[in-house]
PDB file of N, CA and C in Angstrom:
ATOM      1  N   MET A   1       0.807  -1.201   0.000  1.00  0.00           N
ATOM      2  CA  MET A   1       0.000   0.000   0.000  1.00  0.00           C
ATOM      3  C   MET A   1       0.854   1.270   0.000  1.00  0.00           C
ATOM      4  N   LEU A   2       2.035   1.227   0.600  1.00  0.00           N
ATOM      5  CA  LEU A   2       2.782   2.468   0.782  1.00  0.00           C
ATOM      6  C   LEU A   2       3.143   3.203  -0.499  1.00  0.00           C
ATOM      7  N   PRO A   3       3.592   2.550  -1.541  1.00  0.00           N
ATOM      8  CA  PRO A   3       3.881   3.340  -2.734  1.00  0.00           C
ATOM      9  C   PRO A   3       2.630   3.973  -3.343  1.00  0.00           C
ATOM     10  N   ASN A   4       1.459   3.478  -2.993  1.00  0.00           N
ATOM     11  CA  ASN A   4       0.222   3.998  -3.572  1.00  0.00           C
ATOM     12  C   ASN A   4      -0.579   4.882  -2.625  1.00  0.00           C
ATOM     13  N   HIS A   5      -0.263   4.876  -1.350  1.00  0.00           N
ATOM     14  CA  HIS A   5      -0.990   5.670  -0.356  1.00  0.00           C
ATOM     15  C   HIS A   5       0.002   6.316   0.597  1.00  0.00           C
ATOM     16  N   ARG A   6      -0.331   7.473   1.079  1.00  0.00           N
ATOM     17  CA  ARG A   6       0.524   8.174   2.045  1.00  0.00           C
ATOM     18  C   ARG A   6       0.598   7.368   3.337  1.00  0.00           C
ATOM     19  N   PRO A   7       1.745   7.401   4.031  1.00  0.00           N
ATOM     20  CA  PRO A   7       1.874   6.666   5.292  1.00  0.00           C
ATOM     21  C   PRO A   7       0.786   7.016   6.310  1.00  0.00           C
ATOM     22  N   LEU A   8       0.350   8.270   6.362  1.00  0.00           N
ATOM     23  CA  LEU A   8      -0.719   8.648   7.291  1.00  0.00           C
ATOM     24  C   LEU A   8      -2.007   7.898   6.972  1.00  0.00           C
ATOM     25  N   VAL A   9      -2.328   7.739   5.700  1.00  0.00           N
ATOM     26  CA  VAL A   9      -3.554   7.034   5.306  1.00  0.00           C
ATOM     27  C   VAL A   9      -3.474   5.561   5.718  1.00  0.00           C
ATOM     28  N   VAL A  10      -2.315   4.939   5.497  1.00  0.00           N
ATOM     29  CA  VAL A  10      -2.133   3.540   5.884  1.00  0.00           C
ATOM     30  C   VAL A  10      -2.270   3.405   7.401  1.00  0.00           C
ATOM     31  N   ALA A  11      -1.637   4.313   8.150  1.00  0.00           N
ATOM     32  CA  ALA A  11      -1.717   4.274   9.618  1.00  0.00           C
ATOM     33  C   ALA A  11      -3.151   4.453  10.091  1.00  0.00           C
ATOM     34  N   GLU A  12      -3.875   5.376   9.479  1.00  0.00           N
ATOM     35  CA  GLU A  12      -5.263   5.624   9.872  1.00  0.00           C
ATOM     36  C   GLU A  12      -6.135   4.400   9.609  1.00  0.00           C
ATOM     37  N   GLN A  13      -5.998   3.809   8.424  1.00  0.00           N
ATOM     38  CA  GLN A  13      -6.818   2.644   8.090  1.00  0.00           C
ATOM     39  C   GLN A  13      -6.497   1.464   9.004  1.00  0.00           C
ATOM     40  N   PHE A  14      -5.220   1.240   9.254  1.00  0.00           N
ATOM     41  CA  PHE A  14      -4.831   0.154  10.139  1.00  0.00           C
ATOM     42  C   PHE A  14      -5.330   0.413  11.556  1.00  0.00           C
ATOM     43  N   GLY A  15      -5.198   1.653  12.032  1.00  0.00           N
ATOM     44  CA  GLY A  15      -5.646   1.993  13.374  1.00  0.00           C
ATOM     45  C   GLY A  15      -7.140   1.784  13.570  1.00  0.00           C
ATOM     46  N   VAL A  16      -7.925   2.151  12.567  1.00  0.00           N
ATOM     47  CA  VAL A  16      -9.381   1.963  12.654  1.00  0.00           C
ATOM     48  C   VAL A  16      -9.713   0.473  12.707  1.00  0.00           C
ATOM     49  N   LEU A  17      -9.109  -0.306  11.809  1.00  0.00           N
ATOM     50  CA  LEU A  17      -9.381  -1.747  11.807  1.00  0.00           C
ATOM     51  C   LEU A  17      -8.935  -2.400  13.110  1.00  0.00           C
ATOM     52  N   GLU A  18      -7.777  -2.006  13.633  1.00  0.00           N
ATOM     53  CA  GLU A  18      -7.281  -2.576  14.886  1.00  0.00           C
ATOM     54  C   GLU A  18      -8.196  -2.194  16.048  1.00  0.00           C
ATOM     55  N   SER A  19      -8.755  -0.996  16.010  1.00  0.00           N
ATOM     56  CA  SER A  19      -9.687  -0.582  17.068  1.00  0.00           C
ATOM     57  C   SER A  19     -10.972  -1.398  17.020  1.00  0.00           C
ATOM     58  N   LEU A  20     -11.422  -1.715  15.818  1.00  0.00           N
ATOM     59  CA  LEU A  20     -12.655  -2.486  15.675  1.00  0.00           C
ATOM     60  C   LEU A  20     -12.451  -3.971  15.972  1.00  0.00           C
ATOM     61  N   PHE A  21     -11.281  -4.482  15.621  1.00  0.00           N
ATOM     62  CA  PHE A  21     -10.999  -5.909  15.764  1.00  0.00           C
ATOM     63  C   PHE A  21      -9.641  -6.105  16.426  1.00  0.00           C
ATOM     64  N   PRO A  22      -9.512  -5.816  17.725  1.00  0.00           N
ATOM     65  CA  PRO A  22      -8.211  -5.872  18.407  1.00  0.00           C
ATOM     66  C   PRO A  22      -7.528  -7.229  18.268  1.00  0.00           C
ATOM     67  N   GLY A  23      -6.254  -7.186  17.892  1.00  0.00           N
ATOM     68  CA  GLY A  23      -5.451  -8.391  17.802  1.00  0.00           C
ATOM     69  C   GLY A  23      -5.742  -9.271  16.605  1.00  0.00           C
ATOM     70  N   ARG A  24      -6.639  -8.837  15.725  1.00  0.00           N
ATOM     71  CA  ARG A  24      -7.014  -9.690  14.591  1.00  0.00           C
ATOM     72  C   ARG A  24      -6.543  -9.126  13.261  1.00  0.00           C
ATOM     73  N   ILE A  25      -5.889  -7.984  13.261  1.00  0.00           N
ATOM     74  CA  ILE A  25      -5.464  -7.343  12.019  1.00  0.00           C
ATOM     75  C   ILE A  25      -3.945  -7.386  11.927  1.00  0.00           C
ATOM     76  N   ASP A  26      -3.446  -7.907  10.812  1.00  0.00           N
ATOM     77  CA  ASP A  26      -2.016  -7.929  10.535  1.00  0.00           C
ATOM     78  C   ASP A  26      -1.739  -6.974   9.386  1.00  0.00           C
ATOM     79  N   MET A  27      -0.599  -6.306   9.467  1.00  0.00           N
ATOM     80  CA  MET A  27      -0.220  -5.390   8.400  1.00  0.00           C
ATOM     81  C   MET A  27       0.897  -6.015   7.577  1.00  0.00           C
ATOM     82  N   GLY A  28       0.678  -6.106   6.298  1.00  0.00           N
ATOM     83  CA  GLY A  28       1.709  -6.551   5.370  1.00  0.00           C
ATOM     84  C   GLY A  28       2.092  -5.363   4.501  1.00  0.00           C
ATOM     85  N   LEU A  29       3.358  -5.150   4.297  1.00  0.00           N
ATOM     86  CA  LEU A  29       3.811  -4.000   3.522  1.00  0.00           C
ATOM     87  C   LEU A  29       4.528  -4.467   2.264  1.00  0.00           C
ATOM     88  N   GLY A  30       4.247  -3.820   1.162  1.00  0.00           N
ATOM     89  CA  GLY A  30       4.906  -4.123  -0.096  1.00  0.00           C
ATOM     90  C   GLY A  30       5.283  -2.835  -0.785  1.00  0.00           C
ATOM     91  N   ARG A  31       6.181  -2.939  -1.745  1.00  0.00           N
ATOM     92  CA  ARG A  31       6.643  -1.722  -2.409  1.00  0.00           C
ATOM     93  C   ARG A  31       6.265  -1.674  -3.884  1.00  0.00           C
ATOM     94  N   SER A  32       5.309  -2.458  -4.293  1.00  0.00           N
ATOM     95  CA  SER A  32       4.893  -2.473  -5.694  1.00  0.00           C
ATOM     96  C   SER A  32       4.177  -1.179  -6.057  1.00  0.00           C
ATOM     97  N   VAL A  33       4.491  -0.660  -7.206  1.00  0.00           N
ATOM     98  CA  VAL A  33       3.754   0.486  -7.736  1.00  0.00           C
ATOM     99  C   VAL A  33       2.985   0.026  -8.972  1.00  0.00           C
ATOM    100  N   GLY A  34       2.283  -1.074  -8.784  1.00  0.00           N
ATOM    101  CA  GLY A  34       1.491  -1.631  -9.871  1.00  0.00           C
ATOM    102  C   GLY A  34       0.474  -0.633 -10.382  1.00  0.00           C
ATOM    103  N   PHE A  35      -0.552  -1.069 -10.969  1.00  0.00           N
ATOM    104  CA  PHE A  35      -1.613  -0.229 -11.516  1.00  0.00           C
ATOM    105  C   PHE A  35      -1.183   0.410 -12.825  1.00  0.00           C
ATOM    106  N   THR A  36      -2.119   1.058 -13.442  1.00  0.00           N
ATOM    107  CA  THR A  36      -1.868   1.763 -14.692  1.00  0.00           C
ATOM    108  C   THR A  36      -1.397   3.172 -14.389  1.00  0.00           C
ATOM    109  N   ASP A  37      -0.901   3.852 -15.398  1.00  0.00           N
ATOM    110  CA  ASP A  37      -0.446   5.232 -15.206  1.00  0.00           C
ATOM    111  C   ASP A  37      -1.575   6.127 -14.705  1.00  0.00           C
ATOM    112  N   GLY A  38      -2.788   5.925 -15.215  1.00  0.00           N
ATOM    113  CA  GLY A  38      -3.930   6.741 -14.789  1.00  0.00           C
ATOM    114  C   GLY A  38      -4.247   6.573 -13.319  1.00  0.00           C
ATOM    115  N   VAL A  39      -4.195   5.340 -12.830  1.00  0.00           N
ATOM    116  CA  VAL A  39      -4.463   5.087 -11.406  1.00  0.00           C
ATOM    117  C   VAL A  39      -3.355   5.699 -10.555  1.00  0.00           C
ATOM    118  N   ARG A  40      -2.107   5.542 -10.977  1.00  0.00           N
ATOM    119  CA  ARG A  40      -1.000   6.142 -10.214  1.00  0.00           C
ATOM    120  C   ARG A  40      -1.139   7.657 -10.155  1.00  0.00           C
ATOM    121  N   ARG A  41      -1.515   8.279 -11.253  1.00  0.00           N
ATOM    122  CA  ARG A  41      -1.711   9.733 -11.253  1.00  0.00           C
ATOM    123  C   ARG A  41      -2.829  10.132 -10.293  1.00  0.00           C
ATOM    124  N   ALA A  42      -3.926   9.371 -10.293  1.00  0.00           N
ATOM    125  CA  ALA A  42      -5.051   9.672  -9.405  1.00  0.00           C
ATOM    126  C   ALA A  42      -4.643   9.566  -7.934  1.00  0.00           C
ATOM    127  N   LEU A  43      -3.718   8.643  -7.636  1.00  0.00           N
ATOM    128  CA  LEU A  43      -3.228   8.473  -6.264  1.00  0.00           C
ATOM    129  C   LEU A  43      -2.086   9.436  -5.937  1.00  0.00           C
ATOM    130  N   GLY A  44      -1.638  10.197  -6.924  1.00  0.00           N
ATOM    131  CA  GLY A  44      -0.556  11.142  -6.699  1.00  0.00           C
ATOM    132  C   GLY A  44       0.798  10.468  -6.582  1.00  0.00           C
ATOM    133  N   ARG A  45       0.976   9.346  -7.259  1.00  0.00           N
ATOM    134  CA  ARG A  45       2.225   8.584  -7.187  1.00  0.00           C
ATOM    135  C   ARG A  45       2.747   8.298  -8.580  1.00  0.00           C
ATOM    136  N   ASP A  46       4.033   7.926  -8.662  1.00  0.00           N
ATOM    137  CA  ASP A  46       4.592   7.452  -9.910  1.00  0.00           C
ATOM    138  C   ASP A  46       5.544   6.300  -9.614  1.00  0.00           C
ATOM    139  N   LYS A  47       6.107   5.723 -10.661  1.00  0.00           N
ATOM    140  CA  LYS A  47       6.941   4.534 -10.499  1.00  0.00           C
ATOM    141  C   LYS A  47       8.141   4.784  -9.589  1.00  0.00           C
ATOM    142  N   GLY A  48       8.663   5.991  -9.563  1.00  0.00           N
ATOM    143  CA  GLY A  48       9.829   6.312  -8.739  1.00  0.00           C
ATOM    144  C   GLY A  48       9.542   6.311  -7.249  1.00  0.00           C
ATOM    145  N   ASP A  49       8.289   6.341  -6.844  1.00  0.00           N
ATOM    146  CA  ASP A  49       7.952   6.383  -5.419  1.00  0.00           C
ATOM    147  C   ASP A  49       8.351   5.116  -4.677  1.00  0.00           C
ATOM    148  N   ALA A  50       8.517   4.010  -5.380  1.00  0.00           N
ATOM    149  CA  ALA A  50       8.959   2.781  -4.720  1.00  0.00           C
ATOM    150  C   ALA A  50      10.381   2.937  -4.192  1.00  0.00           C
ATOM    151  N   GLU A  51      11.145   3.854  -4.774  1.00  0.00           N
ATOM    152  CA  GLU A  51      12.515   4.085  -4.318  1.00  0.00           C
ATOM    153  C   GLU A  51      12.548   4.719  -2.931  1.00  0.00           C
ATOM    154  N   ASP A  52      11.470   5.359  -2.516  1.00  0.00           N
ATOM    155  CA  ASP A  52      11.378   6.011  -1.211  1.00  0.00           C
ATOM    156  C   ASP A  52      10.771   5.089  -0.159  1.00  0.00           C
ATOM    157  N   PHE A  53      10.747   3.796  -0.415  1.00  0.00           N
ATOM    158  CA  PHE A  53      10.068   2.853   0.467  1.00  0.00           C
ATOM    159  C   PHE A  53      10.588   2.911   1.905  1.00  0.00           C
ATOM    160  N   GLU A  54      11.894   2.972   2.088  1.00  0.00           N
ATOM    161  CA  GLU A  54      12.469   3.025   3.443  1.00  0.00           C
ATOM    162  C   GLU A  54      11.982   4.265   4.201  1.00  0.00           C
ATOM    163  N   ALA A  55      11.970   5.402   3.537  1.00  0.00           N
ATOM    164  CA  ALA A  55      11.482   6.631   4.172  1.00  0.00           C
ATOM    165  C   ALA A  55       9.997   6.523   4.498  1.00  0.00           C
ATOM    166  N   GLN A  56       9.232   5.882   3.624  1.00  0.00           N
ATOM    167  CA  GLN A  56       7.810   5.707   3.873  1.00  0.00           C
ATOM    168  C   GLN A  56       7.566   4.799   5.075  1.00  0.00           C
ATOM    169  N   ILE A  57       8.377   3.754   5.208  1.00  0.00           N
ATOM    170  CA  ILE A  57       8.271   2.861   6.375  1.00  0.00           C
ATOM    171  C   ILE A  57       8.576   3.639   7.648  1.00  0.00           C
ATOM    172  N   GLN A  58       9.623   4.441   7.629  1.00  0.00           N
ATOM    173  CA  GLN A  58       9.990   5.210   8.821  1.00  0.00           C
ATOM    174  C   GLN A  58       8.888   6.208   9.195  1.00  0.00           C
ATOM    175  N   GLU A  59       8.288   6.852   8.196  1.00  0.00           N
ATOM    176  CA  GLU A  59       7.183   7.772   8.482  1.00  0.00           C
ATOM    177  C   GLU A  59       5.984   7.023   9.055  1.00  0.00           C
ATOM    178  N   LEU A  60       5.660   5.865   8.483  1.00  0.00           N
ATOM    179  CA  LEU A  60       4.551   5.057   8.987  1.00  0.00           C
ATOM    180  C   LEU A  60       4.789   4.650  10.437  1.00  0.00           C
ATOM    181  N   LEU A  61       5.994   4.190  10.731  1.00  0.00           N
ATOM    182  CA  LEU A  61       6.322   3.812  12.115  1.00  0.00           C
ATOM    183  C   LEU A  61       6.236   5.011  13.054  1.00  0.00           C
ATOM    184  N   GLY A  62       6.601   6.183  12.551  1.00  0.00           N
ATOM    185  CA  GLY A  62       6.497   7.395  13.368  1.00  0.00           C
ATOM    186  C   GLY A  62       5.069   7.686  13.798  1.00  0.00           C
ATOM    187  N   TRP A  63       4.114   7.410  12.922  1.00  0.00           N
ATOM    188  CA  TRP A  63       2.709   7.623  13.286  1.00  0.00           C
ATOM    189  C   TRP A  63       2.305   6.692  14.421  1.00  0.00           C
ATOM    190  N   PHE A  64       2.768   5.446  14.392  1.00  0.00           N
ATOM    191  CA  PHE A  64       2.393   4.491  15.436  1.00  0.00           C
ATOM    192  C   PHE A  64       3.183   4.697  16.722  1.00  0.00           C
ATOM    193  N   ARG A  65       4.402   5.168  16.615  1.00  0.00           N
ATOM    194  CA  ARG A  65       5.234   5.390  17.812  1.00  0.00           C
ATOM    195  C   ARG A  65       4.905   6.701  18.504  1.00  0.00           C
ATOM    196  N   GLY A  66       4.145   7.552  17.836  1.00  0.00           N
ATOM    197  CA  GLY A  66       3.782   8.836  18.440  1.00  0.00           C
ATOM    198  C   GLY A  66       4.816   9.912  18.216  1.00  0.00           C
ATOM    199  N   THR A  67       5.783   9.668  17.317  1.00  0.00           N
ATOM    200  CA  THR A  67       6.802  10.674  17.046  1.00  0.00           C
ATOM    201  C   THR A  67       6.390  11.613  15.920  1.00  0.00           C
ATOM    202  N   SER A  68       5.297  11.309  15.239  1.00  0.00           N
ATOM    203  CA  SER A  68       4.736  12.182  14.206  1.00  0.00           C
ATOM    204  C   SER A  68       3.361  12.642  14.694  1.00  0.00           C
ATOM    205  N   PRO A  69       3.258  13.896  15.108  1.00  0.00           N
ATOM    206  CA  PRO A  69       1.977  14.330  15.655  1.00  0.00           C
ATOM    207  C   PRO A  69       0.921  14.447  14.567  1.00  0.00           C
ATOM    208  N   PRO A  70      -0.302  14.102  14.810  1.00  0.00           N
ATOM    209  CA  PRO A  70      -0.793  13.365  15.964  1.00  0.00           C
ATOM    210  C   PRO A  70      -0.513  11.876  15.792  1.00  0.00           C
ATOM    211  N   ALA A  71      -0.440  11.156  16.864  1.00  0.00           N
ATOM    212  CA  ALA A  71      -0.175   9.719  16.814  1.00  0.00           C
ATOM    213  C   ALA A  71      -1.414   8.970  16.349  1.00  0.00           C
ATOM    214  N   CYS A  72      -1.202   7.864  15.652  1.00  0.00           N
ATOM    215  CA  CYS A  72      -2.306   7.020  15.184  1.00  0.00           C
ATOM    216  C   CYS A  72      -2.278   5.727  15.978  1.00  0.00           C
ATOM    217  N   THR A  73      -2.533   5.825  17.252  1.00  0.00           N
ATOM    218  CA  THR A  73      -2.485   4.668  18.122  1.00  0.00           C
ATOM    219  C   THR A  73      -3.884   4.089  18.273  1.00  0.00           C
ATOM    220  N   PRO A  74      -4.061   2.817  17.960  1.00  0.00           N
ATOM    221  CA  PRO A  74      -5.388   2.209  18.122  1.00  0.00           C
ATOM    222  C   PRO A  74      -5.863   2.282  19.566  1.00  0.00           C
ATOM    223  N   VAL A  75      -7.137   2.608  19.735  1.00  0.00           N
ATOM    224  CA  VAL A  75      -7.748   2.678  21.056  1.00  0.00           C
ATOM    225  C   VAL A  75      -8.721   1.496  21.178  1.00  0.00           C
ATOM    226  N   PRO A  76      -8.630   0.728  22.251  1.00  0.00           N
ATOM    227  CA  PRO A  76      -9.546  -0.414  22.402  1.00  0.00           C
ATOM    228  C   PRO A  76     -11.000   0.045  22.351  1.00  0.00           C
ATOM    229  N   ARG A  77     -11.812  -0.725  21.672  1.00  0.00           N
ATOM    230  CA  ARG A  77     -13.231  -0.411  21.555  1.00  0.00           C
ATOM    231  C   ARG A  77     -13.947  -0.803  22.822  1.00  0.00           C
ATOM    232  N   ARG A  78     -14.791   0.073  23.299  1.00  0.00           N
ATOM    233  CA  ARG A  78     -15.602  -0.221  24.477  1.00  0.00           C
ATOM    234  C   ARG A  78     -16.969  -0.680  24.006  1.00  0.00           C
ATOM    235  N   VAL A  79     -17.473  -1.746  24.595  1.00  0.00           N
ATOM    236  CA  VAL A  79     -18.762  -2.277  24.170  1.00  0.00           C
ATOM    237  C   VAL A  79     -19.833  -1.925  25.169  1.00  0.00           C
TER     238      VAL A  79
END
């Protein structure tokens, strides 16, 4: 997802799913910039964005560690 979505978006989506289903969501990360040129343009990405994968991982981790304000830390759901 990272080459196609901003790290904040990935963190937000993962955080929401983890809040809804604690302990049942796993995150897998890949660096493919598949899709057609039109889809990549719509997502604001291009083929070269896969080269920034390490930086994207570090930014994503920053959202979960709370070092990138605001933090995207899953909150347990209260029933």
